[in-house]
């Protein structure tokens, strides 16, 4: 159970992070100060999830493994967010680029060659 808790916390924190960083793009006419303050509020909640995820996760995973998981989760969450929320297209170039990043993650978890 402890092995999956950090992953679940990272997934939820990344959803909040993605909204904090990119959610305002649907509101281009909102004042910048307003979107910055709203983004900070969302990011604070994201940090309240990400920090415990890393603290708990470091008992099970290395720091490099945690960072790699976070990056892969970020890519998946962002891909879904950009297609479903921002209504942007997702091309084969995105698939190939993300695939190469995931291939790099394989080597982090593989251990010494």
PDB file of N, CA and C in Angstrom:
ATOM      1  N   UNK A   1       0.821  -1.201   0.000  1.00  0.00           N
ATOM      2  CA  UNK A   1       0.000   0.000   0.000  1.00  0.00           C
ATOM      3  C   UNK A   1       0.862   1.261   0.000  1.00  0.00           C
ATOM      4  N   UNK A   2       1.895   1.278   0.849  1.00  0.00           N
ATOM      5  CA  UNK A   2       2.768   2.454   0.943  1.00  0.00           C
ATOM      6  C   UNK A   2       3.461   2.718  -0.389  1.00  0.00           C
ATOM      7  N   UNK A   3       3.634   1.675  -1.189  1.00  0.00           N
ATOM      8  CA  UNK A   3       4.301   1.816  -2.483  1.00  0.00           C
ATOM      9  C   UNK A   3       3.446   2.617  -3.469  1.00  0.00           C
ATOM     10  N   UNK A   4       2.121   2.534  -3.335  1.00  0.00           N
ATOM     11  CA  UNK A   4       1.228   3.196  -4.283  1.00  0.00           C
ATOM     12  C   UNK A   4       0.747   4.570  -3.816  1.00  0.00           C
ATOM     13  N   UNK A   5       0.824   4.835  -2.514  1.00  0.00           N
ATOM     14  CA  UNK A   5       0.383   6.129  -1.990  1.00  0.00           C
ATOM     15  C   UNK A   5       1.149   7.299  -2.607  1.00  0.00           C
ATOM     16  N   UNK A   6       2.477   7.237  -2.701  1.00  0.00           N
ATOM     17  CA  UNK A   6       3.188   8.363  -3.327  1.00  0.00           C
ATOM     18  C   UNK A   6       2.774   8.578  -4.781  1.00  0.00           C
ATOM     19  N   UNK A   7       2.511   7.509  -5.486  1.00  0.00           N
ATOM     20  CA  UNK A   7       2.103   7.626  -6.894  1.00  0.00           C
ATOM     21  C   UNK A   7       0.741   8.302  -6.973  1.00  0.00           C
ATOM     22  N   UNK A   8      -0.192   7.882  -6.132  1.00  0.00           N
ATOM     23  CA  UNK A   8      -1.524   8.491  -6.126  1.00  0.00           C
ATOM     24  C   UNK A   8      -1.438   9.975  -5.773  1.00  0.00           C
ATOM     25  N   UNK A   9      -0.634  10.306  -4.760  1.00  0.00           N
ATOM     26  CA  UNK A   9      -0.465  11.715  -4.379  1.00  0.00           C
ATOM     27  C   UNK A   9       0.166  12.523  -5.510  1.00  0.00           C
ATOM     28  N   UNK A  10       1.132  11.936  -6.209  1.00  0.00           N
ATOM     29  CA  UNK A  10       1.758  12.637  -7.334  1.00  0.00           C
ATOM     30  C   UNK A  10       0.773  12.866  -8.473  1.00  0.00           C
ATOM     31  N   UNK A  11      -0.093  11.901  -8.730  1.00  0.00           N
ATOM     32  CA  UNK A  11      -1.094  12.068  -9.791  1.00  0.00           C
ATOM     33  C   UNK A  11      -2.022  13.237  -9.445  1.00  0.00           C
ATOM     34  N   UNK A  12      -2.553  13.236  -8.234  1.00  0.00           N
ATOM     35  CA  UNK A  12      -3.479  14.304  -7.837  1.00  0.00           C
ATOM     36  C   UNK A  12      -2.761  15.654  -7.814  1.00  0.00           C
ATOM     37  N   UNK A  13      -1.547  15.687  -7.294  1.00  0.00           N
ATOM     38  CA  UNK A  13      -0.821  16.956  -7.252  1.00  0.00           C
ATOM     39  C   UNK A  13      -0.533  17.472  -8.658  1.00  0.00           C
ATOM     40  N   UNK A  14      -0.263  16.577  -9.591  1.00  0.00           N
ATOM     41  CA  UNK A  14       0.004  17.006 -10.965  1.00  0.00           C
ATOM     42  C   UNK A  14      -1.233  17.537 -11.659  1.00  0.00           C
ATOM     43  N   UNK A  15      -2.392  17.032 -11.305  1.00  0.00           N
ATOM     44  CA  UNK A  15      -3.627  17.596 -11.861  1.00  0.00           C
ATOM     45  C   UNK A  15      -3.747  19.053 -11.412  1.00  0.00           C
ATOM     46  N   UNK A  16      -3.527  19.297 -10.126  1.00  0.00           N
ATOM     47  CA  UNK A  16      -3.588  20.672  -9.622  1.00  0.00           C
ATOM     48  C   UNK A  16      -2.484  21.535 -10.226  1.00  0.00           C
ATOM     49  N   UNK A  17      -1.286  20.990 -10.342  1.00  0.00           N
ATOM     50  CA  UNK A  17      -0.180  21.740 -10.915  1.00  0.00           C
ATOM     51  C   UNK A  17      -0.489  22.160 -12.357  1.00  0.00           C
ATOM     52  N   UNK A  18      -1.038  21.231 -13.116  1.00  0.00           N
ATOM     53  CA  UNK A  18      -1.341  21.528 -14.516  1.00  0.00           C
ATOM     54  C   UNK A  18      -2.387  22.627 -14.620  1.00  0.00           C
ATOM     55  N   UNK A  19      -3.412  22.570 -13.766  1.00  0.00           N
ATOM     56  CA  UNK A  19      -4.400  23.652 -13.772  1.00  0.00           C
ATOM     57  C   UNK A  19      -3.776  24.971 -13.326  1.00  0.00           C
ATOM     58  N   UNK A  20      -2.878  24.924 -12.339  1.00  0.00           N
ATOM     59  CA  UNK A  20      -2.226  26.158 -11.873  1.00  0.00           C
ATOM     60  C   UNK A  20      -1.393  26.787 -12.981  1.00  0.00           C
ATOM     61  N   UNK A  21      -0.674  25.972 -13.725  1.00  0.00           N
ATOM     62  CA  UNK A  21       0.232  26.499 -14.736  1.00  0.00           C
ATOM     63  C   UNK A  21      -0.441  26.814 -16.069  1.00  0.00           C
ATOM     64  N   UNK A  22      -1.456  26.040 -16.439  1.00  0.00           N
ATOM     65  CA  UNK A  22      -2.016  26.165 -17.786  1.00  0.00           C
ATOM     66  C   UNK A  22      -3.513  26.440 -17.840  1.00  0.00           C
ATOM     67  N   UNK A  23      -4.223  26.300 -16.728  1.00  0.00           N
ATOM     68  CA  UNK A  23      -5.671  26.480 -16.739  1.00  0.00           C
ATOM     69  C   UNK A  23      -6.110  27.865 -17.176  1.00  0.00           C
ATOM     70  N   UNK A  24      -5.313  28.859 -16.852  1.00  0.00           N
ATOM     71  CA  UNK A  24      -5.650  30.245 -17.198  1.00  0.00           C
ATOM     72  C   UNK A  24      -5.592  30.519 -18.697  1.00  0.00           C
ATOM     73  N   UNK A  25      -5.020  29.608 -19.479  1.00  0.00           N
ATOM     74  CA  UNK A  25      -4.920  29.832 -20.922  1.00  0.00           C
ATOM     75  C   UNK A  25      -6.292  29.890 -21.597  1.00  0.00           C
ATOM     76  N   UNK A  26      -7.301  29.333 -20.953  1.00  0.00           N
ATOM     77  CA  UNK A  26      -8.667  29.426 -21.485  1.00  0.00           C
ATOM     78  C   UNK A  26      -9.283  30.791 -21.206  1.00  0.00           C
ATOM     79  N   UNK A  27      -8.608  31.611 -20.431  1.00  0.00           N
ATOM     80  CA  UNK A  27      -9.130  32.921 -20.057  1.00  0.00           C
ATOM     81  C   UNK A  27      -8.114  34.007 -20.403  1.00  0.00           C
ATOM     82  N   UNK A  28      -7.823  34.180 -21.698  1.00  0.00           N
ATOM     83  CA  UNK A  28      -6.755  35.101 -22.103  1.00  0.00           C
ATOM     84  C   UNK A  28      -7.035  36.568 -21.770  1.00  0.00           C
ATOM     85  N   UNK A  29      -8.292  36.918 -21.503  1.00  0.00           N
ATOM     86  CA  UNK A  29      -8.612  38.318 -21.233  1.00  0.00           C
ATOM     87  C   UNK A  29      -8.672  38.629 -19.735  1.00  0.00           C
ATOM     88  N   UNK A  30      -8.464  37.616 -18.904  1.00  0.00           N
ATOM     89  CA  UNK A  30      -8.417  37.863 -17.455  1.00  0.00           C
ATOM     90  C   UNK A  30      -7.131  38.596 -17.114  1.00  0.00           C
ATOM     91  N   UNK A  31      -7.190  39.510 -16.166  1.00  0.00           N
ATOM     92  CA  UNK A  31      -5.986  40.252 -15.790  1.00  0.00           C
ATOM     93  C   UNK A  31      -4.889  39.301 -15.278  1.00  0.00           C
ATOM     94  N   UNK A  32      -3.677  39.583 -15.669  1.00  0.00           N
ATOM     95  CA  UNK A  32      -2.548  38.739 -15.300  1.00  0.00           C
ATOM     96  C   UNK A  32      -2.398  38.599 -13.789  1.00  0.00           C
ATOM     97  N   UNK A  33      -2.578  39.689 -13.054  1.00  0.00           N
ATOM     98  CA  UNK A  33      -2.455  39.632 -11.593  1.00  0.00           C
ATOM     99  C   UNK A  33      -3.465  38.644 -11.025  1.00  0.00           C
ATOM    100  N   UNK A  34      -4.666  38.654 -11.540  1.00  0.00           N
ATOM    101  CA  UNK A  34      -5.720  37.748 -11.071  1.00  0.00           C
ATOM    102  C   UNK A  34      -5.338  36.289 -11.314  1.00  0.00           C
ATOM    103  N   UNK A  35      -4.873  35.979 -12.536  1.00  0.00           N
ATOM    104  CA  UNK A  35      -4.539  34.581 -12.832  1.00  0.00           C
ATOM    105  C   UNK A  35      -3.299  34.131 -12.064  1.00  0.00           C
ATOM    106  N   UNK A  36      -2.382  35.045 -11.796  1.00  0.00           N
ATOM    107  CA  UNK A  36      -1.202  34.691 -10.998  1.00  0.00           C
ATOM    108  C   UNK A  36      -1.627  34.335  -9.577  1.00  0.00           C
ATOM    109  N   UNK A  37      -2.487  35.131  -8.983  1.00  0.00           N
ATOM    110  CA  UNK A  37      -2.928  34.867  -7.608  1.00  0.00           C
ATOM    111  C   UNK A  37      -3.735  33.572  -7.519  1.00  0.00           C
ATOM    112  N   UNK A  38      -4.596  33.341  -8.479  1.00  0.00           N
ATOM    113  CA  UNK A  38      -5.364  32.088  -8.501  1.00  0.00           C
ATOM    114  C   UNK A  38      -4.423  30.908  -8.703  1.00  0.00           C
ATOM    115  N   UNK A  39      -3.460  31.059  -9.594  1.00  0.00           N
ATOM    116  CA  UNK A  39      -2.488  29.985  -9.836  1.00  0.00           C
ATOM    117  C   UNK A  39      -1.672  29.685  -8.586  1.00  0.00           C
ATOM    118  N   UNK A  40      -1.275  30.706  -7.854  1.00  0.00           N
ATOM    119  CA  UNK A  40      -0.534  30.498  -6.606  1.00  0.00           C
ATOM    120  C   UNK A  40      -1.375  29.728  -5.600  1.00  0.00           C
ATOM    121  N   UNK A  41      -2.647  30.064  -5.520  1.00  0.00           N
ATOM    122  CA  UNK A  41      -3.533  29.368  -4.576  1.00  0.00           C
ATOM    123  C   UNK A  41      -3.648  27.886  -4.939  1.00  0.00           C
ATOM    124  N   UNK A  42      -3.783  27.607  -6.208  1.00  0.00           N
ATOM    125  CA  UNK A  42      -3.862  26.213  -6.666  1.00  0.00           C
ATOM    126  C   UNK A  42      -2.527  25.509  -6.415  1.00  0.00           C
ATOM    127  N   UNK A  43      -1.428  26.202  -6.708  1.00  0.00           N
ATOM    128  CA  UNK A  43      -0.100  25.609  -6.531  1.00  0.00           C
ATOM    129  C   UNK A  43       0.191  25.308  -5.062  1.00  0.00           C
ATOM    130  N   UNK A  44      -0.320  26.111  -4.155  1.00  0.00           N
ATOM    131  CA  UNK A  44      -0.125  25.838  -2.731  1.00  0.00           C
ATOM    132  C   UNK A  44      -0.737  24.488  -2.372  1.00  0.00           C
ATOM    133  N   UNK A  45      -1.938  24.233  -2.850  1.00  0.00           N
ATOM    134  CA  UNK A  45      -2.579  22.946  -2.590  1.00  0.00           C
ATOM    135  C   UNK A  45      -1.794  21.821  -3.249  1.00  0.00           C
ATOM    136  N   UNK A  46      -1.279  22.080  -4.447  1.00  0.00           N
ATOM    137  CA  UNK A  46      -0.464  21.081  -5.156  1.00  0.00           C
ATOM    138  C   UNK A  46       0.770  20.724  -4.327  1.00  0.00           C
ATOM    139  N   UNK A  47       1.421  21.737  -3.750  1.00  0.00           N
ATOM    140  CA  UNK A  47       2.597  21.487  -2.918  1.00  0.00           C
ATOM    141  C   UNK A  47       2.243  20.687  -1.674  1.00  0.00           C
ATOM    142  N   UNK A  48       1.049  20.914  -1.141  1.00  0.00           N
ATOM    143  CA  UNK A  48       0.600  20.173   0.048  1.00  0.00           C
ATOM    144  C   UNK A  48       0.415  18.684  -0.255  1.00  0.00           C
ATOM    145  N   UNK A  49       0.337  18.323  -1.515  1.00  0.00           N
ATOM    146  CA  UNK A  49       0.257  16.920  -1.923  1.00  0.00           C
ATOM    147  C   UNK A  49       1.608  16.391  -2.398  1.00  0.00           C
ATOM    148  N   UNK A  50       2.342  17.217  -3.135  1.00  0.00           N
ATOM    149  CA  UNK A  50       3.609  16.768  -3.723  1.00  0.00           C
ATOM    150  C   UNK A  50       4.688  16.537  -2.669  1.00  0.00           C
ATOM    151  N   UNK A  51       4.762  17.414  -1.689  1.00  0.00           N
ATOM    152  CA  UNK A  51       5.803  17.267  -0.660  1.00  0.00           C
ATOM    153  C   UNK A  51       5.612  15.975   0.136  1.00  0.00           C
ATOM    154  N   UNK A  52       4.404  15.687   0.626  1.00  0.00           N
ATOM    155  CA  UNK A  52       4.220  14.395   1.311  1.00  0.00           C
ATOM    156  C   UNK A  52       4.439  13.198   0.379  1.00  0.00           C
ATOM    157  N   UNK A  53       4.069  13.342  -0.880  1.00  0.00           N
ATOM    158  CA  UNK A  53       4.297  12.249  -1.835  1.00  0.00           C
ATOM    159  C   UNK A  53       5.776  11.909  -1.912  1.00  0.00           C
ATOM    160  N   UNK A  54       6.606  12.934  -1.968  1.00  0.00           N
ATOM    161  CA  UNK A  54       8.053  12.699  -2.043  1.00  0.00           C
ATOM    162  C   UNK A  54       8.625  12.235  -0.709  1.00  0.00           C
ATOM    163  N   UNK A  55       8.124  12.761   0.382  1.00  0.00           N
ATOM    164  CA  UNK A  55       8.604  12.352   1.706  1.00  0.00           C
ATOM    165  C   UNK A  55       8.278  10.884   1.953  1.00  0.00           C
ATOM    166  N   UNK A  56       7.021  10.506   1.710  1.00  0.00           N
ATOM    167  CA  UNK A  56       6.593   9.114   1.893  1.00  0.00           C
ATOM    168  C   UNK A  56       7.274   8.215   0.864  1.00  0.00           C
ATOM    169  N   UNK A  57       7.323   8.690  -0.370  1.00  0.00           N
ATOM    170  CA  UNK A  57       7.896   7.896  -1.460  1.00  0.00           C
ATOM    171  C   UNK A  57       9.369   7.621  -1.315  1.00  0.00           C
ATOM    172  N   UNK A  58      10.099   8.532  -0.663  1.00  0.00           N
ATOM    173  CA  UNK A  58      11.541   8.336  -0.532  1.00  0.00           C
ATOM    174  C   UNK A  58      11.882   7.156   0.373  1.00  0.00           C
ATOM    175  N   UNK A  59      10.913   6.692   1.142  1.00  0.00           N
ATOM    176  CA  UNK A  59      11.118   5.485   1.926  1.00  0.00           C
ATOM    177  C   UNK A  59      11.060   4.225   1.086  1.00  0.00           C
ATOM    178  N   UNK A  60      10.508   4.347  -0.117  1.00  0.00           N
ATOM    179  CA  UNK A  60      10.319   3.197  -1.001  1.00  0.00           C
ATOM    180  C   UNK A  60      11.130   3.332  -2.297  1.00  0.00           C
ATOM    181  N   UNK A  61      11.230   4.549  -2.794  1.00  0.00           N
ATOM    182  CA  UNK A  61      11.887   4.819  -4.075  1.00  0.00           C
ATOM    183  C   UNK A  61      13.086   5.741  -3.873  1.00  0.00           C
ATOM    184  N   UNK A  62      14.019   5.701  -4.811  1.00  0.00           N
ATOM    185  CA  UNK A  62      15.124   6.657  -4.778  1.00  0.00           C
ATOM    186  C   UNK A  62      14.607   8.015  -5.254  1.00  0.00           C
ATOM    187  N   UNK A  63      15.376   9.063  -4.985  1.00  0.00           N
ATOM    188  CA  UNK A  63      14.994  10.396  -5.446  1.00  0.00           C
ATOM    189  C   UNK A  63      14.895  10.439  -6.969  1.00  0.00           C
ATOM    190  N   UNK A  64      15.801   9.768  -7.654  1.00  0.00           N
ATOM    191  CA  UNK A  64      15.760   9.740  -9.122  1.00  0.00           C
ATOM    192  C   UNK A  64      14.504   9.025  -9.620  1.00  0.00           C
ATOM    193  N   UNK A  65      14.110   7.955  -8.943  1.00  0.00           N
ATOM    194  CA  UNK A  65      12.888   7.247  -9.334  1.00  0.00           C
ATOM    195  C   UNK A  65      11.653   8.114  -9.092  1.00  0.00           C
ATOM    196  N   UNK A  66      11.620   8.824  -7.956  1.00  0.00           N
ATOM    197  CA  UNK A  66      10.493   9.706  -7.671  1.00  0.00           C
ATOM    198  C   UNK A  66      10.385  10.812  -8.716  1.00  0.00           C
ATOM    199  N   UNK A  67      11.508  11.421  -9.054  1.00  0.00           N
ATOM    200  CA  UNK A  67      11.498  12.498 -10.050  1.00  0.00           C
ATOM    201  C   UNK A  67      11.064  11.967 -11.412  1.00  0.00           C
ATOM    202  N   UNK A  68      11.532  10.779 -11.757  1.00  0.00           N
ATOM    203  CA  UNK A  68      11.153  10.182 -13.038  1.00  0.00           C
ATOM    204  C   UNK A  68       9.660   9.896 -13.067  1.00  0.00           C
ATOM    205  N   UNK A  69       9.127   9.333 -11.988  1.00  0.00           N
ATOM    206  CA  UNK A  69       7.679   9.089 -11.920  1.00  0.00           C
ATOM    207  C   UNK A  69       6.908  10.394 -12.062  1.00  0.00           C
ATOM    208  N   UNK A  70       7.381  11.420 -11.369  1.00  0.00           N
ATOM    209  CA  UNK A  70       6.701  12.714 -11.428  1.00  0.00           C
ATOM    210  C   UNK A  70       6.680  13.259 -12.852  1.00  0.00           C
ATOM    211  N   UNK A  71       7.764  13.128 -13.571  1.00  0.00           N
ATOM    212  CA  UNK A  71       7.825  13.635 -14.946  1.00  0.00           C
ATOM    213  C   UNK A  71       6.897  12.858 -15.877  1.00  0.00           C
ATOM    214  N   UNK A  72       6.862  11.541 -15.735  1.00  0.00           N
ATOM    215  CA  UNK A  72       5.981  10.725 -16.570  1.00  0.00           C
ATOM    216  C   UNK A  72       4.519  11.045 -16.241  1.00  0.00           C
ATOM    217  N   UNK A  73       4.200  11.150 -14.961  1.00  0.00           N
ATOM    218  CA  UNK A  73       2.839  11.512 -14.560  1.00  0.00           C
ATOM    219  C   UNK A  73       2.482  12.878 -15.119  1.00  0.00           C
ATOM    220  N   UNK A  74       3.410  13.821 -15.053  1.00  0.00           N
ATOM    221  CA  UNK A  74       3.172  15.163 -15.595  1.00  0.00           C
ATOM    222  C   UNK A  74       2.865  15.111 -17.079  1.00  0.00           C
ATOM    223  N   UNK A  75       3.607  14.318 -17.828  1.00  0.00           N
ATOM    224  CA  UNK A  75       3.365  14.207 -19.271  1.00  0.00           C
ATOM    225  C   UNK A  75       1.981  13.635 -19.567  1.00  0.00           C
ATOM    226  N   UNK A  76       1.611  12.598 -18.841  1.00  0.00           N
ATOM    227  CA  UNK A  76       0.302  11.971 -19.075  1.00  0.00           C
ATOM    228  C   UNK A  76      -0.820  12.935 -18.702  1.00  0.00           C
ATOM    229  N   UNK A  77      -0.702  13.557 -17.521  1.00  0.00           N
ATOM    230  CA  UNK A  77      -1.727  14.506 -17.081  1.00  0.00           C
ATOM    231  C   UNK A  77      -1.803  15.674 -18.059  1.00  0.00           C
ATOM    232  N   UNK A  78      -0.656  16.205 -18.472  1.00  0.00           N
ATOM    233  CA  UNK A  78      -0.660  17.339 -19.393  1.00  0.00           C
ATOM    234  C   UNK A  78      -1.247  16.960 -20.745  1.00  0.00           C
ATOM    235  N   UNK A  79      -0.924  15.775 -21.255  1.00  0.00           N
ATOM    236  CA  UNK A  79      -1.474  15.345 -22.543  1.00  0.00           C
ATOM    237  C   UNK A  79      -3.000  15.285 -22.466  1.00  0.00           C
ATOM    238  N   UNK A  80      -3.514  14.688 -21.413  1.00  0.00           N
ATOM    239  CA  UNK A  80      -4.972  14.615 -21.249  1.00  0.00           C
ATOM    240  C   UNK A  80      -5.575  16.009 -21.079  1.00  0.00           C
ATOM    241  N   UNK A  81      -4.935  16.845 -20.279  1.00  0.00           N
ATOM    242  CA  UNK A  81      -5.402  18.204 -20.039  1.00  0.00           C
ATOM    243  C   UNK A  81      -5.452  19.009 -21.337  1.00  0.00           C
ATOM    244  N   UNK A  82      -4.396  18.938 -22.117  1.00  0.00           N
ATOM    245  CA  UNK A  82      -4.342  19.750 -23.338  1.00  0.00           C
ATOM    246  C   UNK A  82      -5.395  19.315 -24.351  1.00  0.00           C
ATOM    247  N   UNK A  83      -5.677  18.022 -24.403  1.00  0.00           N
ATOM    248  CA  UNK A  83      -6.690  17.528 -25.345  1.00  0.00           C
ATOM    249  C   UNK A  83      -8.102  17.768 -24.807  1.00  0.00           C
ATOM    250  N   UNK A  84      -8.346  17.408 -23.548  1.00  0.00           N
ATOM    251  CA  UNK A  84      -9.700  17.461 -23.004  1.00  0.00           C
ATOM    252  C   UNK A  84     -10.122  18.865 -22.548  1.00  0.00           C
ATOM    253  N   UNK A  85      -9.214  19.624 -21.947  1.00  0.00           N
ATOM    254  CA  UNK A  85      -9.569  20.930 -21.400  1.00  0.00           C
ATOM    255  C   UNK A  85      -9.273  22.068 -22.381  1.00  0.00           C
ATOM    256  N   UNK A  86      -8.080  22.055 -22.935  1.00  0.00           N
ATOM    257  CA  UNK A  86      -7.706  23.130 -23.864  1.00  0.00           C
ATOM    258  C   UNK A  86      -8.157  22.873 -25.294  1.00  0.00           C
ATOM    259  N   UNK A  87      -8.603  21.639 -25.568  1.00  0.00           N
ATOM    260  CA  UNK A  87      -9.096  21.237 -26.895  1.00  0.00           C
ATOM    261  C   UNK A  87      -8.010  21.370 -27.967  1.00  0.00           C
ATOM    262  N   UNK A  88      -6.775  21.070 -27.589  1.00  0.00           N
ATOM    263  CA  UNK A  88      -5.668  21.093 -28.540  1.00  0.00           C
ATOM    264  C   UNK A  88      -5.475  19.697 -29.119  1.00  0.00           C
ATOM    265  N   UNK A  89      -4.897  19.649 -30.297  1.00  0.00           N
ATOM    266  CA  UNK A  89      -4.685  18.351 -30.939  1.00  0.00           C
ATOM    267  C   UNK A  89      -3.448  17.664 -30.366  1.00  0.00           C
ATOM    268  N   UNK A  90      -3.433  16.366 -30.502  1.00  0.00           N
ATOM    269  CA  UNK A  90      -2.315  15.543 -30.033  1.00  0.00           C
ATOM    270  C   UNK A  90      -1.839  14.753 -31.237  1.00  0.00           C
ATOM    271  N   UNK A  91      -0.624  15.006 -31.689  1.00  0.00           N
ATOM    272  CA  UNK A  91      -0.149  14.405 -32.934  1.00  0.00           C
ATOM    273  C   UNK A  91       0.807  13.244 -32.673  1.00  0.00           C
ATOM    274  N   UNK A  92       1.177  12.586 -33.739  1.00  0.00           N
ATOM    275  CA  UNK A  92       2.151  11.486 -33.653  1.00  0.00           C
ATOM    276  C   UNK A  92       3.498  12.012 -33.145  1.00  0.00           C
ATOM    277  N   UNK A  93       3.823  13.252 -33.446  1.00  0.00           N
ATOM    278  CA  UNK A  93       5.070  13.842 -32.939  1.00  0.00           C
ATOM    279  C   UNK A  93       5.075  13.880 -31.417  1.00  0.00           C
ATOM    280  N   UNK A  94       3.930  14.192 -30.823  1.00  0.00           N
ATOM    281  CA  UNK A  94       3.824  14.185 -29.366  1.00  0.00           C
ATOM    282  C   UNK A  94       4.023  12.765 -28.828  1.00  0.00           C
ATOM    283  N   UNK A  95       3.402  11.815 -29.480  1.00  0.00           N
ATOM    284  CA  UNK A  95       3.520  10.416 -29.054  1.00  0.00           C
ATOM    285  C   UNK A  95       4.980   9.967 -29.108  1.00  0.00           C
ATOM    286  N   UNK A  96       5.670  10.280 -30.202  1.00  0.00           N
ATOM    287  CA  UNK A  96       7.073   9.885 -30.347  1.00  0.00           C
ATOM    288  C   UNK A  96       7.937  10.585 -29.292  1.00  0.00           C
ATOM    289  N   UNK A  97       7.741  11.885 -29.120  1.00  0.00           N
ATOM    290  CA  UNK A  97       8.531  12.633 -28.132  1.00  0.00           C
ATOM    291  C   UNK A  97       8.321  12.116 -26.720  1.00  0.00           C
ATOM    292  N   UNK A  98       7.065  11.904 -26.345  1.00  0.00           N
ATOM    293  CA  UNK A  98       6.776  11.375 -25.012  1.00  0.00           C
ATOM    294  C   UNK A  98       7.310   9.956 -24.875  1.00  0.00           C
ATOM    295  N   UNK A  99       7.231   9.186 -25.949  1.00  0.00           N
ATOM    296  CA  UNK A  99       7.757   7.817 -25.929  1.00  0.00           C
ATOM    297  C   UNK A  99       9.249   7.785 -25.652  1.00  0.00           C
ATOM    298  N   UNK A 100       9.973   8.725 -26.228  1.00  0.00           N
ATOM    299  CA  UNK A 100      11.413   8.795 -25.974  1.00  0.00           C
ATOM    300  C   UNK A 100      11.710   9.154 -24.514  1.00  0.00           C
ATOM    301  N   UNK A 101      10.892  10.026 -23.952  1.00  0.00           N
ATOM    302  CA  UNK A 101      11.066  10.368 -22.539  1.00  0.00           C
ATOM    303  C   UNK A 101      10.771   9.152 -21.673  1.00  0.00           C
ATOM    304  N   UNK A 102       9.736   8.418 -22.012  1.00  0.00           N
ATOM    305  CA  UNK A 102       9.399   7.201 -21.263  1.00  0.00           C
ATOM    306  C   UNK A 102      10.509   6.161 -21.412  1.00  0.00           C
ATOM    307  N   UNK A 103      11.125   6.095 -22.582  1.00  0.00           N
ATOM    308  CA  UNK A 103      12.258   5.176 -22.761  1.00  0.00           C
ATOM    309  C   UNK A 103      13.398   5.560 -21.812  1.00  0.00           C
ATOM    310  N   UNK A 104      13.628   6.847 -21.635  1.00  0.00           N
ATOM    311  CA  UNK A 104      14.633   7.296 -20.680  1.00  0.00           C
ATOM    312  C   UNK A 104      14.273   6.877 -19.267  1.00  0.00           C
ATOM    313  N   UNK A 105      12.992   6.921 -18.937  1.00  0.00           N
ATOM    314  CA  UNK A 105      12.543   6.501 -17.604  1.00  0.00           C
ATOM    315  C   UNK A 105      12.835   5.022 -17.376  1.00  0.00           C
ATOM    316  N   UNK A 106      12.736   4.235 -18.418  1.00  0.00           N
ATOM    317  CA  UNK A 106      13.040   2.802 -18.310  1.00  0.00           C
ATOM    318  C   UNK A 106      14.437   2.594 -17.729  1.00  0.00           C
ATOM    319  N   UNK A 107      15.393   3.384 -18.212  1.00  0.00           N
ATOM    320  CA  UNK A 107      16.769   3.207 -17.757  1.00  0.00           C
ATOM    321  C   UNK A 107      16.974   3.661 -16.309  1.00  0.00           C
ATOM    322  N   UNK A 108      16.156   4.610 -15.854  1.00  0.00           N
ATOM    323  CA  UNK A 108      16.244   5.026 -14.444  1.00  0.00           C
ATOM    324  C   UNK A 108      15.825   3.864 -13.548  1.00  0.00           C
ATOM    325  N   UNK A 109      14.759   3.174 -13.922  1.00  0.00           N
ATOM    326  CA  UNK A 109      14.248   2.084 -13.091  1.00  0.00           C
ATOM    327  C   UNK A 109      14.950   0.757 -13.331  1.00  0.00           C
ATOM    328  N   UNK A 110      15.631   0.637 -14.447  1.00  0.00           N
ATOM    329  CA  UNK A 110      16.314  -0.612 -14.800  1.00  0.00           C
ATOM    330  C   UNK A 110      17.469  -0.906 -13.854  1.00  0.00           C
ATOM    331  N   UNK A 111      18.105   0.125 -13.373  1.00  0.00           N
ATOM    332  CA  UNK A 111      19.274  -0.086 -12.521  1.00  0.00           C
ATOM    333  C   UNK A 111      20.546  -0.102 -13.356  1.00  0.00           C
ATOM    334  N   UNK A 112      21.654  -0.453 -12.759  1.00  0.00           N
ATOM    335  CA  UNK A 112      22.926  -0.438 -13.490  1.00  0.00           C
ATOM    336  C   UNK A 112      22.878  -1.377 -14.705  1.00  0.00           C
ATOM    337  N   UNK A 113      23.472  -0.905 -15.784  1.00  0.00           N
ATOM    338  CA  UNK A 113      23.526  -1.731 -17.003  1.00  0.00           C
ATOM    339  C   UNK A 113      24.651  -2.735 -16.927  1.00  0.00           C
TER     340      UNK A 113
END
